[in-house]
PDB file of N, CA and C in Angstrom:
ATOM      1  N   UNK A   1       0.844  -1.162   0.000  1.00  0.00           N
ATOM      2  CA  UNK A   1       0.000   0.000   0.000  1.00  0.00           C
ATOM      3  C   UNK A   1       0.907   1.249   0.000  1.00  0.00           C
ATOM      4  N   UNK A   2       0.659   2.218  -0.869  1.00  0.00           N
ATOM      5  CA  UNK A   2       1.498   3.410  -0.927  1.00  0.00           C
ATOM      6  C   UNK A   2       1.253   4.327   0.286  1.00  0.00           C
ATOM      7  N   UNK A   3       2.320   4.982   0.710  1.00  0.00           N
ATOM      8  CA  UNK A   3       2.200   5.892   1.854  1.00  0.00           C
ATOM      9  C   UNK A   3       1.599   7.210   1.397  1.00  0.00           C
ATOM     10  N   UNK A   4       0.751   7.747   2.254  1.00  0.00           N
ATOM     11  CA  UNK A   4       0.147   9.048   1.953  1.00  0.00           C
ATOM     12  C   UNK A   4       1.066  10.156   2.442  1.00  0.00           C
ATOM     13  N   UNK A   5       1.078  11.235   1.709  1.00  0.00           N
ATOM     14  CA  UNK A   5       1.872  12.381   2.126  1.00  0.00           C
ATOM     15  C   UNK A   5       1.085  13.194   3.156  1.00  0.00           C
ATOM     16  N   UNK A   6       1.779  13.664   4.171  1.00  0.00           N
ATOM     17  CA  UNK A   6       1.140  14.484   5.188  1.00  0.00           C
ATOM     18  C   UNK A   6       0.904  15.878   4.633  1.00  0.00           C
ATOM     19  N   UNK A   7      -0.235  16.444   4.998  1.00  0.00           N
ATOM     20  CA  UNK A   7      -0.528  17.803   4.585  1.00  0.00           C
ATOM     21  C   UNK A   7       0.239  18.764   5.484  1.00  0.00           C
ATOM     22  N   UNK A   8       0.895  19.715   4.871  1.00  0.00           N
ATOM     23  CA  UNK A   8       1.645  20.694   5.630  1.00  0.00           C
ATOM     24  C   UNK A   8       0.778  21.920   5.857  1.00  0.00           C
ATOM     25  N   UNK A   9       0.719  22.356   7.103  1.00  0.00           N
ATOM     26  CA  UNK A   9      -0.018  23.556   7.428  1.00  0.00           C
ATOM     27  C   UNK A   9       0.892  24.758   7.192  1.00  0.00           C
ATOM     28  N   UNK A  10       0.330  25.772   6.574  1.00  0.00           N
ATOM     29  CA  UNK A  10       1.103  26.985   6.363  1.00  0.00           C
ATOM     30  C   UNK A  10       1.081  27.802   7.644  1.00  0.00           C
ATOM     31  N   UNK A  11       2.248  28.256   8.047  1.00  0.00           N
ATOM     32  CA  UNK A  11       2.328  29.072   9.252  1.00  0.00           C
ATOM     33  C   UNK A  11       1.815  30.460   8.932  1.00  0.00           C
ATOM     34  N   UNK A  12       0.957  30.953   9.818  1.00  0.00           N
ATOM     35  CA  UNK A  12       0.422  32.286   9.642  1.00  0.00           C
ATOM     36  C   UNK A  12       1.302  33.248  10.427  1.00  0.00           C
ATOM     37  N   UNK A  13       1.892  34.181   9.726  1.00  0.00           N
ATOM     38  CA  UNK A  13       2.777  35.131  10.371  1.00  0.00           C
ATOM     39  C   UNK A  13       1.967  36.176  11.133  1.00  0.00           C
ATOM     40  N   UNK A  14       2.533  36.643  12.220  1.00  0.00           N
ATOM     41  CA  UNK A  14       1.877  37.698  12.996  1.00  0.00           C
ATOM     42  C   UNK A  14       1.923  38.976  12.164  1.00  0.00           C
ATOM     43  N   UNK A  15       0.778  39.450  11.795  1.00  0.00           N
ATOM     44  CA  UNK A  15       0.697  40.641  10.964  1.00  0.00           C
ATOM     45  C   UNK A  15       0.255  41.819  11.803  1.00  0.00           C
ATOM     46  N   UNK A  16       0.693  42.968  11.403  1.00  0.00           N
ATOM     47  CA  UNK A  16       0.308  44.187  12.102  1.00  0.00           C
ATOM     48  C   UNK A  16      -1.193  44.387  12.006  1.00  0.00           C
ATOM     49  N   UNK A  17      -1.800  43.965  10.910  1.00  0.00           N
ATOM     50  CA  UNK A  17      -3.230  44.174  10.713  1.00  0.00           C
ATOM     51  C   UNK A  17      -4.084  43.383  11.705  1.00  0.00           C
ATOM     52  N   UNK A  18      -3.515  42.396  12.370  1.00  0.00           N
ATOM     53  CA  UNK A  18      -4.260  41.650  13.378  1.00  0.00           C
ATOM     54  C   UNK A  18      -4.457  42.467  14.645  1.00  0.00           C
ATOM     55  N   UNK A  19      -3.516  43.347  14.946  1.00  0.00           N
ATOM     56  CA  UNK A  19      -3.512  44.060  16.208  1.00  0.00           C
ATOM     57  C   UNK A  19      -3.897  45.533  16.100  1.00  0.00           C
ATOM     58  N   UNK A  20      -3.816  46.094  14.892  1.00  0.00           N
ATOM     59  CA  UNK A  20      -4.086  47.520  14.716  1.00  0.00           C
ATOM     60  C   UNK A  20      -5.044  47.757  13.560  1.00  0.00           C
ATOM     61  N   UNK A  21      -5.808  48.853  13.644  1.00  0.00           N
ATOM     62  CA  UNK A  21      -6.670  49.318  12.562  1.00  0.00           C
ATOM     63  C   UNK A  21      -6.083  50.641  12.100  1.00  0.00           C
ATOM     64  N   UNK A  22      -5.845  50.764  10.799  1.00  0.00           N
ATOM     65  CA  UNK A  22      -5.282  51.995  10.262  1.00  0.00           C
ATOM     66  C   UNK A  22      -6.404  52.790   9.620  1.00  0.00           C
ATOM     67  N   UNK A  23      -6.689  53.968  10.190  1.00  0.00           N
ATOM     68  CA  UNK A  23      -7.728  54.848   9.678  1.00  0.00           C
ATOM     69  C   UNK A  23      -7.096  56.189   9.344  1.00  0.00           C
ATOM     70  N   UNK A  24      -7.152  56.563   8.087  1.00  0.00           N
ATOM     71  CA  UNK A  24      -6.598  57.824   7.601  1.00  0.00           C
ATOM     72  C   UNK A  24      -5.184  58.028   8.132  1.00  0.00           C
ATOM     73  N   UNK A  25      -4.996  58.966   9.054  1.00  0.00           N
ATOM     74  CA  UNK A  25      -3.657  59.223   9.582  1.00  0.00           C
ATOM     75  C   UNK A  25      -3.502  58.741  11.024  1.00  0.00           C
ATOM     76  N   UNK A  26      -4.434  57.916  11.497  1.00  0.00           N
ATOM     77  CA  UNK A  26      -4.395  57.414  12.864  1.00  0.00           C
ATOM     78  C   UNK A  26      -4.275  55.901  12.890  1.00  0.00           C
ATOM     79  N   UNK A  27      -3.696  55.383  13.963  1.00  0.00           N
ATOM     80  CA  UNK A  27      -3.584  53.943  14.184  1.00  0.00           C
ATOM     81  C   UNK A  27      -4.297  53.633  15.491  1.00  0.00           C
ATOM     82  N   UNK A  28      -5.239  52.675  15.455  1.00  0.00           N
ATOM     83  CA  UNK A  28      -5.990  52.295  16.651  1.00  0.00           C
ATOM     84  C   UNK A  28      -5.736  50.827  16.977  1.00  0.00           C
ATOM     85  N   UNK A  29      -5.698  50.520  18.260  1.00  0.00           N
ATOM     86  CA  UNK A  29      -5.508  49.129  18.686  1.00  0.00           C
ATOM     87  C   UNK A  29      -6.836  48.384  18.604  1.00  0.00           C
ATOM     88  N   UNK A  30      -6.791  47.144  18.153  1.00  0.00           N
ATOM     89  CA  UNK A  30      -7.997  46.308  18.127  1.00  0.00           C
ATOM     90  C   UNK A  30      -8.240  45.677  19.486  1.00  0.00           C
ATOM     91  N   UNK A  31      -7.168  45.283  20.159  1.00  0.00           N
ATOM     92  CA  UNK A  31      -7.267  44.589  21.445  1.00  0.00           C
ATOM     93  C   UNK A  31      -6.632  45.435  22.541  1.00  0.00           C
ATOM     94  N   UNK A  32      -7.108  45.304  23.771  1.00  0.00           N
ATOM     95  CA  UNK A  32      -6.510  46.076  24.869  1.00  0.00           C
ATOM     96  C   UNK A  32      -5.185  45.466  25.325  1.00  0.00           C
ATOM     97  N   UNK A  33      -4.368  46.292  25.962  1.00  0.00           N
ATOM     98  CA  UNK A  33      -3.145  45.799  26.596  1.00  0.00           C
ATOM     99  C   UNK A  33      -3.513  45.197  27.949  1.00  0.00           C
ATOM    100  N   UNK A  34      -2.666  44.298  28.440  1.00  0.00           N
ATOM    101  CA  UNK A  34      -2.881  43.687  29.751  1.00  0.00           C
ATOM    102  C   UNK A  34      -2.631  44.724  30.840  1.00  0.00           C
ATOM    103  N   UNK A  35      -3.502  44.764  31.844  1.00  0.00           N
ATOM    104  CA  UNK A  35      -3.373  45.727  32.931  1.00  0.00           C
ATOM    105  C   UNK A  35      -2.221  45.373  33.863  1.00  0.00           C
ATOM    106  N   UNK A  36      -1.872  44.114  33.967  1.00  0.00           N
ATOM    107  CA  UNK A  36      -0.769  43.694  34.827  1.00  0.00           C
ATOM    108  C   UNK A  36       0.575  43.782  34.121  1.00  0.00           C
ATOM    109  N   UNK A  37       0.644  43.266  32.895  1.00  0.00           N
ATOM    110  CA  UNK A  37       1.916  43.192  32.167  1.00  0.00           C
ATOM    111  C   UNK A  37       2.329  44.530  31.568  1.00  0.00           C
ATOM    112  N   UNK A  38       1.356  45.365  31.218  1.00  0.00           N
ATOM    113  CA  UNK A  38       1.655  46.684  30.691  1.00  0.00           C
ATOM    114  C   UNK A  38       1.658  46.733  29.175  1.00  0.00           C
ATOM    115  N   UNK A  39       2.095  47.870  28.624  1.00  0.00           N
ATOM    116  CA  UNK A  39       2.100  48.053  27.168  1.00  0.00           C
ATOM    117  C   UNK A  39       2.961  47.012  26.461  1.00  0.00           C
ATOM    118  N   UNK A  40       2.454  46.531  25.343  1.00  0.00           N
ATOM    119  CA  UNK A  40       3.195  45.542  24.563  1.00  0.00           C
ATOM    120  C   UNK A  40       2.637  44.136  24.680  1.00  0.00           C
ATOM    121  N   UNK A  41       1.814  43.882  25.680  1.00  0.00           N
ATOM    122  CA  UNK A  41       1.213  42.562  25.859  1.00  0.00           C
ATOM    123  C   UNK A  41      -0.284  42.670  25.580  1.00  0.00           C
ATOM    124  N   UNK A  42      -0.677  42.213  24.396  1.00  0.00           N
ATOM    125  CA  UNK A  42      -2.078  42.267  24.008  1.00  0.00           C
ATOM    126  C   UNK A  42      -2.862  41.148  24.678  1.00  0.00           C
ATOM    127  N   UNK A  43      -4.137  41.414  24.921  1.00  0.00           N
ATOM    128  CA  UNK A  43      -5.022  40.401  25.485  1.00  0.00           C
ATOM    129  C   UNK A  43      -5.797  39.743  24.352  1.00  0.00           C
ATOM    130  N   UNK A  44      -6.024  38.447  24.457  1.00  0.00           N
ATOM    131  CA  UNK A  44      -6.749  37.701  23.432  1.00  0.00           C
ATOM    132  C   UNK A  44      -8.253  37.875  23.623  1.00  0.00           C
ATOM    133  N   UNK A  45      -8.976  37.953  22.523  1.00  0.00           N
ATOM    134  CA  UNK A  45     -10.428  38.114  22.559  1.00  0.00           C
ATOM    135  C   UNK A  45     -11.075  36.733  22.501  1.00  0.00           C
ATOM    136  N   UNK A  46     -11.820  36.372  23.543  1.00  0.00           N
ATOM    137  CA  UNK A  46     -12.478  35.065  23.611  1.00  0.00           C
ATOM    138  C   UNK A  46     -14.002  35.196  23.639  1.00  0.00           C
ATOM    139  N   UNK A  47     -14.521  36.181  22.941  1.00  0.00           N
ATOM    140  CA  UNK A  47     -15.967  36.342  22.867  1.00  0.00           C
ATOM    141  C   UNK A  47     -16.548  37.063  24.054  1.00  0.00           C
ATOM    142  N   UNK A  48     -16.605  36.416  25.215  1.00  0.00           N
ATOM    143  CA  UNK A  48     -17.197  37.034  26.398  1.00  0.00           C
ATOM    144  C   UNK A  48     -16.156  37.611  27.354  1.00  0.00           C
ATOM    145  N   UNK A  49     -14.867  37.485  27.007  1.00  0.00           N
ATOM    146  CA  UNK A  49     -13.809  37.959  27.899  1.00  0.00           C
ATOM    147  C   UNK A  49     -12.524  38.218  27.115  1.00  0.00           C
ATOM    148  N   UNK A  50     -11.619  38.968  27.752  1.00  0.00           N
ATOM    149  CA  UNK A  50     -10.268  39.162  27.243  1.00  0.00           C
ATOM    150  C   UNK A  50      -9.329  38.433  28.189  1.00  0.00           C
ATOM    151  N   UNK A  51      -8.313  37.756  27.657  1.00  0.00           N
ATOM    152  CA  UNK A  51      -7.386  37.007  28.495  1.00  0.00           C
ATOM    153  C   UNK A  51      -5.947  37.280  28.059  1.00  0.00           C
ATOM    154  N   UNK A  52      -5.053  37.407  29.032  1.00  0.00           N
ATOM    155  CA  UNK A  52      -3.634  37.617  28.765  1.00  0.00           C
ATOM    156  C   UNK A  52      -2.943  36.256  28.738  1.00  0.00           C
ATOM    157  N   UNK A  53      -2.173  36.007  27.700  1.00  0.00           N
ATOM    158  CA  UNK A  53      -1.450  34.743  27.592  1.00  0.00           C
ATOM    159  C   UNK A  53      -0.182  34.721  28.417  1.00  0.00           C
ATOM    160  N   UNK A  54       0.309  35.887  28.805  1.00  0.00           N
ATOM    161  CA  UNK A  54       1.543  35.988  29.572  1.00  0.00           C
ATOM    162  C   UNK A  54       1.314  35.660  31.047  1.00  0.00           C
ATOM    163  N   UNK A  55       0.365  36.359  31.677  1.00  0.00           N
ATOM    164  CA  UNK A  55       0.168  36.201  33.124  1.00  0.00           C
ATOM    165  C   UNK A  55      -1.140  35.506  33.500  1.00  0.00           C
ATOM    166  N   UNK A  56      -2.082  35.356  32.545  1.00  0.00           N
ATOM    167  CA  UNK A  56      -3.334  34.674  32.833  1.00  0.00           C
ATOM    168  C   UNK A  56      -4.444  35.585  33.318  1.00  0.00           C
ATOM    169  N   UNK A  57      -4.215  36.892  33.338  1.00  0.00           N
ATOM    170  CA  UNK A  57      -5.225  37.847  33.779  1.00  0.00           C
ATOM    171  C   UNK A  57      -6.418  37.792  32.825  1.00  0.00           C
ATOM    172  N   UNK A  58      -7.642  37.809  33.373  1.00  0.00           N
ATOM    173  CA  UNK A  58      -8.861  37.753  32.580  1.00  0.00           C
ATOM    174  C   UNK A  58      -9.754  38.931  32.935  1.00  0.00           C
ATOM    175  N   UNK A  59     -10.247  39.616  31.912  1.00  0.00           N
ATOM    176  CA  UNK A  59     -11.191  40.720  32.103  1.00  0.00           C
ATOM    177  C   UNK A  59     -12.444  40.376  31.323  1.00  0.00           C
ATOM    178  N   UNK A  60     -13.572  40.286  32.021  1.00  0.00           N
ATOM    179  CA  UNK A  60     -14.827  39.922  31.386  1.00  0.00           C
ATOM    180  C   UNK A  60     -15.473  41.143  30.747  1.00  0.00           C
ATOM    181  N   UNK A  61     -16.113  40.922  29.603  1.00  0.00           N
ATOM    182  CA  UNK A  61     -16.836  41.981  28.925  1.00  0.00           C
ATOM    183  C   UNK A  61     -18.173  42.174  29.622  1.00  0.00           C
ATOM    184  N   UNK A  62     -18.684  43.368  29.557  1.00  0.00           N
ATOM    185  CA  UNK A  62     -19.968  43.652  30.190  1.00  0.00           C
ATOM    186  C   UNK A  62     -21.085  43.078  29.335  1.00  0.00           C
ATOM    187  N   UNK A  63     -22.075  42.484  29.987  1.00  0.00           N
ATOM    188  CA  UNK A  63     -23.227  41.912  29.299  1.00  0.00           C
ATOM    189  C   UNK A  63     -24.210  42.977  28.860  1.00  0.00           C
ATOM    190  N   UNK A  64     -25.037  42.647  27.916  1.00  0.00           N
ATOM    191  CA  UNK A  64     -26.058  43.583  27.443  1.00  0.00           C
ATOM    192  C   UNK A  64     -27.244  43.502  28.387  1.00  0.00           C
ATOM    193  N   UNK A  65     -27.540  44.615  29.030  1.00  0.00           N
ATOM    194  CA  UNK A  65     -28.733  44.668  29.885  1.00  0.00           C
ATOM    195  C   UNK A  65     -28.457  44.521  31.269  1.00  0.00           C
TER     196      UNK A  65
END
């Protein structure tokens, strides 16, 4: 039986467009910085909360109503 070739996943490079929105002459952050770690450490968006991958700090989003 012939061996199947494994599918290679393409690595997605960290792009500036993931973290910033460029509007006219201004640059805005898409995600907040971590309150504990400080500037430079973005928090991940998990739908109902933001979480820091460095220290584990979690900030919940406010619910509607």
